[in-house]
Amino acid sequence: MLAIVGPFVLFFIAGRYFVDPWELPRENKGELLIPHIQLDTLALRDDSGEPYDGEDTAGLWTLMYVAGAECGKACKNGLYYQMRQVQQTLGENMERLRRVIVHTAPANPELSAFLEDNVAGTVEVDGDPQTVREALAPATDAPVGDIFVVSPDGQIFLRYPTHESMDATLEEAENIRLDLERTLKGSLI
């Protein structure tokens, strides 16, 4: 009897006292934000000046990019490859995802033209740079240039950086795609 039960007891003891679950590899590729951040804390406004909050995200998952006044190569790579193209690769699930850009400063003409020509359909909202930075402080000190995943109930829970290098951009886009596919597969929303 001891030979049958013994290995199970030893395995349980070893797992309980010698393995730290926080050191095990994670499934998600992006930076998981714990605790999650409420979208409402960013105090965003749509183009008509109305609050853009959890009610606006209801029913769809969101990829959210935080933009500054300038949009360099990393910004364009993030908006096009890590958001637009990732959404296109989701196939039948692409309609379950929306893209949002948060302007923390007025968009310069180059950024406005890029949004219109290359990533049409992206929802544009405005946010105070200080409020956005403070709300996202648990995730990053400088949120401008980062992409976040927002759940339909307004919880910001994953963060991805953008890159100037095309190789790094495509690798990060693949990470976002894998996380979104896993998330959408497990969600009924």
Foldseek 3Di string as FASTA:
>chain_A
DCVVCVVVVVVVVCCVPPDDVVPDDDPAPFDWQPPWFFQVQQQKAAPVRHTDGLVVLAQAKEKEAEAEQDQDLLNLLCLALQPVVLLVVVPPCSVRYAYEYEYLYDHDPVVVVCCVPGVPRYGYIYGNLVSNQVRCVSPHNHRHQKIFMADSRRTTTGIDHTDNDPVVSNVSSVSSSSNVVVVVVPDPD
